[in-house]
Amino acid sequence: MKNIRLTLILLIVFSSNIINAQSSKCVMARNLNNNCIIRYYYYPNLQAYYDNQNKVFIYQDEKKWKKSEELPSYYGGYSIYKHVRVLIKDFDDDNPESQIAIHKKEYPYCSNGRFTYTFASN
């Protein structure tokens, strides 16, 4: 009898943990200065974005902006972890490509990998 009770209690505990784990959502960080969700990375050398909320890349393909879980093969095996990326802290709408002119100017492409702005992170 004790074994059955113990088994039932353990079953209830484990099943409640599984249910809670499935229903919990990832909480995104916020910029306290402007209350924007910190959602995007900008890659200056690609002129592309990564949406951390939807887990997709946003990039230009034949002058049209596309979203995909992976970068296309013509990016030539670009390592997103090795190269510079910039955390966008002042924009959280669904279309970061609307800010590309601002981001190009603020974080210009650099062929030698040395960036002069302070917000870049490796």
Protein backbone atom coordinates (compact mmCIF):
# COMPACT_ATOMS: atom_id res chain seq x y z
CA MET A 1 0.00 0.00 0.00
CA LYS A 2 2.83 2.41 0.84
CA ASN A 3 4.46 1.69 -2.50
CA ILE A 4 1.28 2.57 -4.38
CA ARG A 5 0.87 5.86 -2.49
CA LEU A 6 4.50 6.78 -3.04
CA THR A 7 4.22 5.95 -6.73
CA LEU A 8 1.06 8.06 -7.08
CA ILE A 9 2.64 11.01 -5.28
CA LEU A 10 5.75 10.84 -7.46
CA LEU A 11 3.60 10.57 -10.58
CA ILE A 12 1.60 13.66 -9.60
CA VAL A 13 4.74 15.66 -8.81
CA PHE A 14 6.46 14.77 -12.08
CA SER A 15 3.37 15.36 -14.21
CA SER A 16 2.78 18.78 -12.65
CA ASN A 17 6.40 19.76 -13.40
CA ILE A 18 6.00 18.69 -17.02
CA ILE A 19 2.76 20.66 -17.40
CA ASN A 20 4.36 23.79 -15.90
CA ALA A 21 7.42 23.47 -18.13
CA GLN A 22 5.26 23.21 -21.25
CA SER A 23 3.08 26.19 -20.40
CA SER A 24 5.86 28.59 -19.37
CA LYS A 25 7.02 31.13 -21.94
CA CYS A 26 10.40 32.71 -22.36
CA VAL A 27 10.43 36.14 -20.75
CA MET A 28 12.30 38.66 -22.89
CA ALA A 29 14.46 41.34 -21.27
CA ARG A 30 13.35 44.97 -21.45
CA ASN A 31 15.30 48.16 -21.88
CA LEU A 32 14.45 50.15 -18.76
CA ASN A 33 15.06 53.50 -20.50
CA ASN A 34 12.40 53.10 -23.21
CA ASN A 35 10.51 49.93 -22.14
CA CYS A 36 11.33 48.17 -25.45
CA ILE A 37 11.68 44.42 -25.46
CA ILE A 38 15.28 43.55 -26.33
CA ARG A 39 14.43 41.31 -29.24
CA TYR A 40 16.82 41.75 -32.19
CA TYR A 41 20.46 41.33 -33.04
CA TYR A 42 21.84 43.23 -36.02
CA TYR A 43 24.77 41.79 -37.99
CA PRO A 44 26.55 44.72 -39.70
CA ASN A 45 28.61 42.55 -42.06
CA LEU A 46 25.46 40.76 -43.25
CA GLN A 47 23.08 43.69 -42.95
CA ALA A 48 20.67 41.19 -41.47
CA TYR A 49 18.80 40.69 -38.20
CA TYR A 50 18.05 37.84 -35.85
CA ASP A 51 14.68 37.85 -34.07
CA ASN A 52 15.28 36.21 -30.71
CA GLN A 53 11.56 36.00 -29.95
CA ASN A 54 10.55 34.10 -33.10
CA LYS A 55 13.97 32.44 -33.63
CA VAL A 56 14.30 33.58 -37.26
CA PHE A 57 16.81 35.51 -39.35
CA ILE A 58 15.60 38.51 -41.31
CA TYR A 59 17.69 39.18 -44.41
CA GLN A 60 17.50 40.61 -47.90
CA ASP A 61 17.15 38.28 -50.87
CA GLU A 62 16.88 39.89 -54.31
CA LYS A 63 15.85 43.21 -52.73
CA LYS A 64 13.03 41.58 -50.73
CA TRP A 65 13.18 40.99 -47.00
CA LYS A 66 12.70 37.36 -45.96
CA LYS A 67 12.45 35.47 -42.69
CA SER A 68 13.97 32.04 -42.19
CA GLU A 69 15.23 29.82 -39.38
CA GLU A 70 18.59 29.56 -41.18
CA LEU A 71 20.67 31.87 -43.30
CA PRO A 72 20.73 30.92 -46.98
CA SER A 73 23.77 29.12 -48.38
CA TYR A 74 25.00 32.17 -50.32
CA TYR A 75 26.05 33.74 -47.02
CA GLY A 76 28.95 31.29 -47.29
CA GLY A 77 28.98 29.70 -43.85
CA TYR A 78 29.11 33.02 -42.00
CA SER A 79 29.60 32.32 -38.31
CA ILE A 80 27.09 34.40 -36.38
CA TYR A 81 28.90 33.58 -33.14
CA LYS A 82 32.39 34.50 -34.30
CA HIS A 83 31.60 37.86 -35.89
CA VAL A 84 30.25 41.08 -34.43
CA ARG A 85 26.57 41.44 -33.63
CA VAL A 86 24.78 44.41 -32.15
CA LEU A 87 21.93 44.13 -29.67
CA ILE A 88 19.13 46.47 -30.76
CA LYS A 89 17.76 48.07 -27.60
CA ASP A 90 15.42 50.71 -29.00
CA PHE A 91 13.14 48.80 -31.39
CA ASP A 92 10.74 45.92 -30.77
CA ASP A 93 8.17 46.01 -33.57
CA ASP A 94 7.81 43.18 -36.08
CA ASN A 95 9.76 44.76 -38.94
CA PRO A 96 13.34 45.70 -37.96
CA GLU A 97 14.24 46.03 -41.64
CA SER A 98 12.46 49.39 -41.56
CA GLN A 99 15.40 50.61 -39.44
CA ILE A 100 18.15 49.33 -41.76
CA ALA A 101 19.20 52.82 -42.92
CA ILE A 102 19.69 53.93 -39.31
CA HIS A 103 21.56 50.77 -38.36
CA LYS A 104 23.81 50.90 -41.42
CA LYS A 105 24.83 54.41 -40.50
CA GLU A 106 25.20 53.75 -36.77
CA TYR A 107 26.97 50.38 -37.15
CA PRO A 108 28.77 50.39 -40.52
CA TYR A 109 30.17 47.35 -42.28
CA CYS A 110 33.80 46.70 -41.43
CA SER A 111 35.78 44.25 -43.54
CA ASN A 112 38.66 43.82 -41.06
CA GLY A 113 36.43 43.00 -38.08
CA ARG A 114 37.43 46.03 -36.01
CA PHE A 115 34.47 48.10 -34.93
CA THR A 116 34.71 51.45 -33.25
CA TYR A 117 31.27 51.64 -31.67
CA THR A 118 30.82 50.45 -28.12
CA PHE A 119 27.56 48.49 -28.38
CA ALA A 120 29.03 45.71 -30.48
CA SER A 121 29.40 42.36 -28.79
CA ASN A 122 31.07 39.15 -29.86
